[in-house]
Amino acid sequence: MTVIYFVRHAHSYYTADEYNRPLSDKGFEDRDRVTKLFTNKIIHAIYSSPYKRSVQTVAGIAQEHKLEINTIDSLKERNLSNGNLLDFDTAIHQVWSHPKFAFEGGESNEVAKERAITTLQKIILAHPNDNIVIGTHGNIMVLMMQYFDAQYNYSFWKGLSMPDVHQLTLQHFVLSDVQRTWKD
């Protein structure tokens, strides 16, 4: 069995620079709470989106377990558009309602899911019986979960918190269990 802990990043300050957007003060407080969730767990490897807020969210876990954070570009959040969208909520609903649809310069759900799943499959193959932490983002996390089970959809995404932690247990590439381990 491979156990994947998806750790959605904690609250961050908004900047247009996706790669360097840092955690907010509340985000750092929550990061410390997330770290405590993993104190008594055995963790074999940590991967993350390269975005600063994701790396910062799992940094305490890495320090606690004396592990490096392996950043992988294909684990970054989905690109919704190359420009500003007038209504983020409407735009997100549209891409979730039409998985092949993409705004100009953005990724459809199908494209973003394929990008992330290809990487996730490689991670699972590299760690067939390990416990893995993956620092991630809301949309891309749910798209990866949806690959294994269609119930992980727009409504599920809307119910996420920031941060959020979901434990997925897989036998090879078959999902056998999902548990939300974060309590807000």
C-alpha atoms as a PDB file:
ATOM      1  CA  MET A   1       0.000   0.000   0.000  1.00  0.00           C
ATOM      2  CA  THR A   2       1.089   3.528  -0.766  1.00  0.00           C
ATOM      3  CA  VAL A   3      -0.290   6.276   1.434  1.00  0.00           C
ATOM      4  CA  ILE A   4      -0.420   9.742  -0.080  1.00  0.00           C
ATOM      5  CA  TYR A   5      -1.055  12.737   2.160  1.00  0.00           C
ATOM      6  CA  PHE A   6      -2.236  15.606   0.003  1.00  0.00           C
ATOM      7  CA  VAL A   7      -1.540  18.810   1.928  1.00  0.00           C
ATOM      8  CA  ARG A   8      -3.341  21.768   0.403  1.00  0.00           C
ATOM      9  CA  HIS A   9      -1.387  24.917   1.147  1.00  0.00           C
ATOM     10  CA  ALA A  10      -2.317  27.204   4.006  1.00  0.00           C
ATOM     11  CA  HIS A  11      -3.674  30.732   3.530  1.00  0.00           C
ATOM     12  CA  SER A  12      -1.379  33.008   1.521  1.00  0.00           C
ATOM     13  CA  TYR A  13      -1.123  36.679   0.720  1.00  0.00           C
ATOM     14  CA  TYR A  14      -2.384  37.337  -2.790  1.00  0.00           C
ATOM     15  CA  THR A  15       0.141  38.446  -5.390  1.00  0.00           C
ATOM     16  CA  ALA A  16       0.053  38.022  -9.150  1.00  0.00           C
ATOM     17  CA  ASP A  17       3.353  36.112  -8.882  1.00  0.00           C
ATOM     18  CA  GLU A  18       2.091  32.527  -8.463  1.00  0.00           C
ATOM     19  CA  TYR A  19       5.551  31.066  -7.850  1.00  0.00           C
ATOM     20  CA  ASN A  20       6.508  33.411  -5.022  1.00  0.00           C
ATOM     21  CA  ARG A  21       3.210  34.056  -3.211  1.00  0.00           C
ATOM     22  CA  PRO A  22       4.025  33.518   0.489  1.00  0.00           C
ATOM     23  CA  LEU A  23       1.942  32.251   3.366  1.00  0.00           C
ATOM     24  CA  SER A  24       0.141  34.854   5.447  1.00  0.00           C
ATOM     25  CA  ASP A  25       0.565  35.118   9.222  1.00  0.00           C
ATOM     26  CA  LYS A  26      -2.499  32.866   9.618  1.00  0.00           C
ATOM     27  CA  GLY A  27      -0.977  30.531   7.026  1.00  0.00           C
ATOM     28  CA  PHE A  28       2.185  30.128   9.109  1.00  0.00           C
ATOM     29  CA  GLU A  29       0.097  29.416  12.233  1.00  0.00           C
ATOM     30  CA  ASP A  30      -1.850  26.754  10.351  1.00  0.00           C
ATOM     31  CA  ARG A  31       1.356  25.356   8.881  1.00  0.00           C
ATOM     32  CA  ASP A  32       2.532  24.680  12.419  1.00  0.00           C
ATOM     33  CA  ARG A  33      -0.749  22.885  13.162  1.00  0.00           C
ATOM     34  CA  VAL A  34      -0.352  20.800   9.997  1.00  0.00           C
ATOM     35  CA  THR A  35       3.192  19.892  11.026  1.00  0.00           C
ATOM     36  CA  LYS A  36       1.882  18.575  14.364  1.00  0.00           C
ATOM     37  CA  LEU A  37      -0.492  16.234  12.476  1.00  0.00           C
ATOM     38  CA  PHE A  38       2.577  14.446  11.116  1.00  0.00           C
ATOM     39  CA  THR A  39       4.682  14.329  14.290  1.00  0.00           C
ATOM     40  CA  ASN A  40       3.991  10.659  15.047  1.00  0.00           C
ATOM     41  CA  LYS A  41       3.596   9.463  11.453  1.00  0.00           C
ATOM     42  CA  ILE A  42       6.246   7.704   9.426  1.00  0.00           C
ATOM     43  CA  ILE A  43       6.926   9.722   6.277  1.00  0.00           C
ATOM     44  CA  HIS A  44       9.289   8.435   3.609  1.00  0.00           C
ATOM     45  CA  ALA A  45       9.312  11.278   1.079  1.00  0.00           C
ATOM     46  CA  ILE A  46       7.934  14.768   0.517  1.00  0.00           C
ATOM     47  CA  TYR A  47       7.026  16.267  -2.838  1.00  0.00           C
ATOM     48  CA  SER A  48       5.552  19.655  -3.568  1.00  0.00           C
ATOM     49  CA  SER A  49       4.381  22.090  -6.141  1.00  0.00           C
ATOM     50  CA  PRO A  50       7.193  24.597  -6.711  1.00  0.00           C
ATOM     51  CA  TYR A  51       4.920  27.432  -5.566  1.00  0.00           C
ATOM     52  CA  LYS A  52       6.271  29.027  -2.393  1.00  0.00           C
ATOM     53  CA  ARG A  53       3.000  28.703  -0.440  1.00  0.00           C
ATOM     54  CA  SER A  54       2.967  24.927  -0.997  1.00  0.00           C
ATOM     55  CA  VAL A  55       6.624  24.489  -0.096  1.00  0.00           C
ATOM     56  CA  GLN A  56       6.201  26.635   3.019  1.00  0.00           C
ATOM     57  CA  THR A  57       3.173  24.589   4.110  1.00  0.00           C
ATOM     58  CA  VAL A  58       5.100  21.278   4.080  1.00  0.00           C
ATOM     59  CA  ALA A  59       8.442  22.731   5.256  1.00  0.00           C
ATOM     60  CA  GLY A  60       7.727  21.956   8.905  1.00  0.00           C
ATOM     61  CA  ILE A  61       6.939  18.329   8.061  1.00  0.00           C
ATOM     62  CA  ALA A  62      10.215  18.086   6.135  1.00  0.00           C
ATOM     63  CA  GLN A  63      12.160  19.561   9.031  1.00  0.00           C
ATOM     64  CA  GLU A  64      10.434  17.301  11.585  1.00  0.00           C
ATOM     65  CA  HIS A  65      11.234  14.174   9.557  1.00  0.00           C
ATOM     66  CA  LYS A  66      14.632  15.356   8.276  1.00  0.00           C
ATOM     67  CA  LEU A  67      13.561  14.995   4.647  1.00  0.00           C
ATOM     68  CA  GLU A  68      14.141  17.140   1.597  1.00  0.00           C
ATOM     69  CA  ILE A  69      11.220  18.622  -0.298  1.00  0.00           C
ATOM     70  CA  ASN A  70      11.279  17.475  -3.909  1.00  0.00           C
ATOM     71  CA  THR A  71       9.610  20.215  -5.950  1.00  0.00           C
ATOM     72  CA  ILE A  72       8.068  19.177  -9.237  1.00  0.00           C
ATOM     73  CA  ASP A  73       6.729  21.743 -11.682  1.00  0.00           C
ATOM     74  CA  SER A  74       3.913  19.497 -12.913  1.00  0.00           C
ATOM     75  CA  LEU A  75       2.387  19.499  -9.400  1.00  0.00           C
ATOM     76  CA  LYS A  76       1.728  23.247  -9.566  1.00  0.00           C
ATOM     77  CA  GLU A  77      -1.813  24.602  -9.520  1.00  0.00           C
ATOM     78  CA  ARG A  78      -3.757  24.523 -12.744  1.00  0.00           C
ATOM     79  CA  ASN A  79      -3.424  27.611 -14.898  1.00  0.00           C
ATOM     80  CA  LEU A  80      -6.941  28.969 -15.290  1.00  0.00           C
ATOM     81  CA  SER A  81      -6.173  31.714 -17.816  1.00  0.00           C
ATOM     82  CA  ASN A  82      -3.357  33.886 -19.130  1.00  0.00           C
ATOM     83  CA  GLY A  83      -5.332  36.998 -18.189  1.00  0.00           C
ATOM     84  CA  ASN A  84      -7.558  38.304 -15.452  1.00  0.00           C
ATOM     85  CA  LEU A  85     -11.025  36.798 -15.252  1.00  0.00           C
ATOM     86  CA  LEU A  86     -13.882  39.021 -14.137  1.00  0.00           C
ATOM     87  CA  ASP A  87     -15.518  36.427 -11.902  1.00  0.00           C
ATOM     88  CA  PHE A  88     -13.274  33.705 -10.498  1.00  0.00           C
ATOM     89  CA  ASP A  89     -16.158  31.614  -9.070  1.00  0.00           C
ATOM     90  CA  THR A  90     -18.029  31.581 -12.389  1.00  0.00           C
ATOM     91  CA  ALA A  91     -14.827  30.720 -14.258  1.00  0.00           C
ATOM     92  CA  ILE A  92     -14.020  27.817 -11.925  1.00  0.00           C
ATOM     93  CA  HIS A  93     -17.559  26.496 -12.190  1.00  0.00           C
ATOM     94  CA  GLN A  94     -17.325  26.634 -15.982  1.00  0.00           C
ATOM     95  CA  VAL A  95     -14.116  24.596 -16.216  1.00  0.00           C
ATOM     96  CA  TRP A  96     -15.455  22.021 -13.776  1.00  0.00           C
ATOM     97  CA  SER A  97     -18.758  21.789 -15.679  1.00  0.00           C
ATOM     98  CA  HIS A  98     -16.980  21.333 -19.019  1.00  0.00           C
ATOM     99  CA  PRO A  99     -13.773  19.286 -18.455  1.00  0.00           C
ATOM    100  CA  LYS A 100     -12.428  19.924 -21.980  1.00  0.00           C
ATOM    101  CA  PHE A 101     -13.035  23.689 -21.839  1.00  0.00           C
ATOM    102  CA  ALA A 102     -10.136  26.067 -21.255  1.00  0.00           C
ATOM    103  CA  PHE A 103      -9.966  29.837 -21.112  1.00  0.00           C
ATOM    104  CA  GLU A 104      -7.408  31.508 -23.372  1.00  0.00           C
ATOM    105  CA  GLY A 105      -3.947  30.455 -22.252  1.00  0.00           C
ATOM    106  CA  GLY A 106      -5.380  28.259 -19.487  1.00  0.00           C
ATOM    107  CA  GLU A 107      -5.656  24.541 -18.885  1.00  0.00           C
ATOM    108  CA  SER A 108      -8.826  22.504 -19.102  1.00  0.00           C
ATOM    109  CA  ASN A 109      -9.559  20.072 -16.278  1.00  0.00           C
ATOM    110  CA  GLU A 110      -8.523  17.233 -18.567  1.00  0.00           C
ATOM    111  CA  VAL A 111      -5.168  18.792 -19.454  1.00  0.00           C
ATOM    112  CA  ALA A 112      -4.340  19.773 -15.862  1.00  0.00           C
ATOM    113  CA  LYS A 113      -5.370  16.348 -14.547  1.00  0.00           C
ATOM    114  CA  GLU A 114      -3.242  14.534 -17.138  1.00  0.00           C
ATOM    115  CA  ARG A 115      -0.207  16.670 -16.286  1.00  0.00           C
ATOM    116  CA  ALA A 116      -0.485  15.990 -12.556  1.00  0.00           C
ATOM    117  CA  ILE A 117      -1.507  12.324 -12.794  1.00  0.00           C
ATOM    118  CA  THR A 118       1.500  11.467 -14.952  1.00  0.00           C
ATOM    119  CA  THR A 119       3.716  12.766 -12.144  1.00  0.00           C
ATOM    120  CA  LEU A 120       1.639  11.167  -9.386  1.00  0.00           C
ATOM    121  CA  GLN A 121       1.916   7.776 -11.114  1.00  0.00           C
ATOM    122  CA  LYS A 122       5.710   8.109 -11.183  1.00  0.00           C
ATOM    123  CA  ILE A 123       5.730   8.980  -7.472  1.00  0.00           C
ATOM    124  CA  ILE A 124       3.562   5.958  -6.634  1.00  0.00           C
ATOM    125  CA  LEU A 125       5.805   3.660  -8.694  1.00  0.00           C
ATOM    126  CA  ALA A 126       8.876   5.022  -6.910  1.00  0.00           C
ATOM    127  CA  HIS A 127       7.275   4.488  -3.476  1.00  0.00           C
ATOM    128  CA  PRO A 128       5.144   1.322  -3.686  1.00  0.00           C
ATOM    129  CA  ASN A 129       4.879   0.818   0.094  1.00  0.00           C
ATOM    130  CA  ASP A 130       5.693   4.253   1.464  1.00  0.00           C
ATOM    131  CA  ASN A 131       3.939   7.169   3.110  1.00  0.00           C
ATOM    132  CA  ILE A 132       4.300  10.265   0.949  1.00  0.00           C
ATOM    133  CA  VAL A 133       3.424  13.913   1.601  1.00  0.00           C
ATOM    134  CA  ILE A 134       2.540  16.060  -1.404  1.00  0.00           C
ATOM    135  CA  GLY A 135       2.266  19.831  -0.961  1.00  0.00           C
ATOM    136  CA  THR A 136      -0.456  20.895  -3.346  1.00  0.00           C
ATOM    137  CA  HIS A 137      -3.296  23.232  -4.304  1.00  0.00           C
ATOM    138  CA  GLY A 138      -7.072  22.885  -4.256  1.00  0.00           C
ATOM    139  CA  ASN A 139      -7.904  22.427  -7.931  1.00  0.00           C
ATOM    140  CA  ILE A 140      -5.016  20.175  -8.868  1.00  0.00           C
ATOM    141  CA  MET A 141      -5.454  18.072  -5.711  1.00  0.00           C
ATOM    142  CA  VAL A 142      -9.129  17.422  -6.449  1.00  0.00           C
ATOM    143  CA  LEU A 143      -8.362  16.678 -10.100  1.00  0.00           C
ATOM    144  CA  MET A 144      -5.832  14.056  -8.991  1.00  0.00           C
ATOM    145  CA  MET A 145      -8.361  12.584  -6.557  1.00  0.00           C
ATOM    146  CA  GLN A 146     -11.005  12.594  -9.301  1.00  0.00           C
ATOM    147  CA  TYR A 147      -8.735  10.434 -11.437  1.00  0.00           C
ATOM    148  CA  PHE A 148      -9.318   7.655  -8.890  1.00  0.00           C
ATOM    149  CA  ASP A 149     -12.968   8.428  -8.047  1.00  0.00           C
ATOM    150  CA  ALA A 150     -15.441  10.717  -9.855  1.00  0.00           C
ATOM    151  CA  GLN A 151     -17.068  11.831  -6.596  1.00  0.00           C
ATOM    152  CA  TYR A 152     -14.189  14.295  -6.160  1.00  0.00           C
ATOM    153  CA  ASN A 153     -15.622  17.183  -8.137  1.00  0.00           C
ATOM    154  CA  TYR A 154     -16.469  20.891  -8.058  1.00  0.00           C
ATOM    155  CA  SER A 155     -18.705  20.515  -4.982  1.00  0.00           C
ATOM    156  CA  PHE A 156     -15.944  18.680  -3.139  1.00  0.00           C
ATOM    157  CA  TRP A 157     -13.475  21.407  -4.131  1.00  0.00           C
ATOM    158  CA  LYS A 158     -15.845  24.106  -2.809  1.00  0.00           C
ATOM    159  CA  GLY A 159     -15.840  22.369   0.593  1.00  0.00           C
ATOM    160  CA  LEU A 160     -12.071  22.426   1.034  1.00  0.00           C
ATOM    161  CA  SER A 161     -10.366  24.544   3.647  1.00  0.00           C
ATOM    162  CA  MET A 162      -7.009  26.245   3.495  1.00  0.00           C
ATOM    163  CA  PRO A 163      -4.994  24.292   4.553  1.00  0.00           C
ATOM    164  CA  ASP A 164      -6.549  20.882   4.116  1.00  0.00           C
ATOM    165  CA  VAL A 165      -5.131  17.365   4.422  1.00  0.00           C
ATOM    166  CA  HIS A 166      -6.473  14.242   2.749  1.00  0.00           C
ATOM    167  CA  GLN A 167      -4.989  10.783   3.201  1.00  0.00           C
ATOM    168  CA  LEU A 168      -5.330   8.459   0.202  1.00  0.00           C
ATOM    169  CA  THR A 169      -4.500   4.778   0.516  1.00  0.00           C
ATOM    170  CA  LEU A 170      -3.703   3.035  -2.755  1.00  0.00           C
ATOM    171  CA  GLN A 171      -3.001  -0.558  -3.664  1.00  0.00           C
ATOM    172  CA  HIS A 172      -0.942  -0.124  -6.828  1.00  0.00           C
ATOM    173  CA  PHE A 173      -3.150   2.386  -8.662  1.00  0.00           C
ATOM    174  CA  VAL A 174      -6.444   1.440  -7.032  1.00  0.00           C
ATOM    175  CA  LEU A 175      -7.831   3.804  -4.415  1.00  0.00           C
ATOM    176  CA  SER A 176      -8.968   1.859  -1.346  1.00  0.00           C
ATOM    177  CA  ASP A 177      -9.579   4.645   1.179  1.00  0.00           C
ATOM    178  CA  VAL A 178      -9.713   8.427   1.581  1.00  0.00           C
ATOM    179  CA  GLN A 179      -9.757  10.211   4.915  1.00  0.00           C
ATOM    180  CA  ARG A 180      -9.768  13.899   5.663  1.00  0.00           C
ATOM    181  CA  THR A 181      -7.276  14.345   8.477  1.00  0.00           C
ATOM    182  CA  TRP A 182      -7.457  18.127   8.875  1.00  0.00           C
ATOM    183  CA  LYS A 183      -9.863  19.567  11.423  1.00  0.00           C
ATOM    184  CA  ASP A 184     -10.436  23.297  11.052  1.00  0.00           C
END
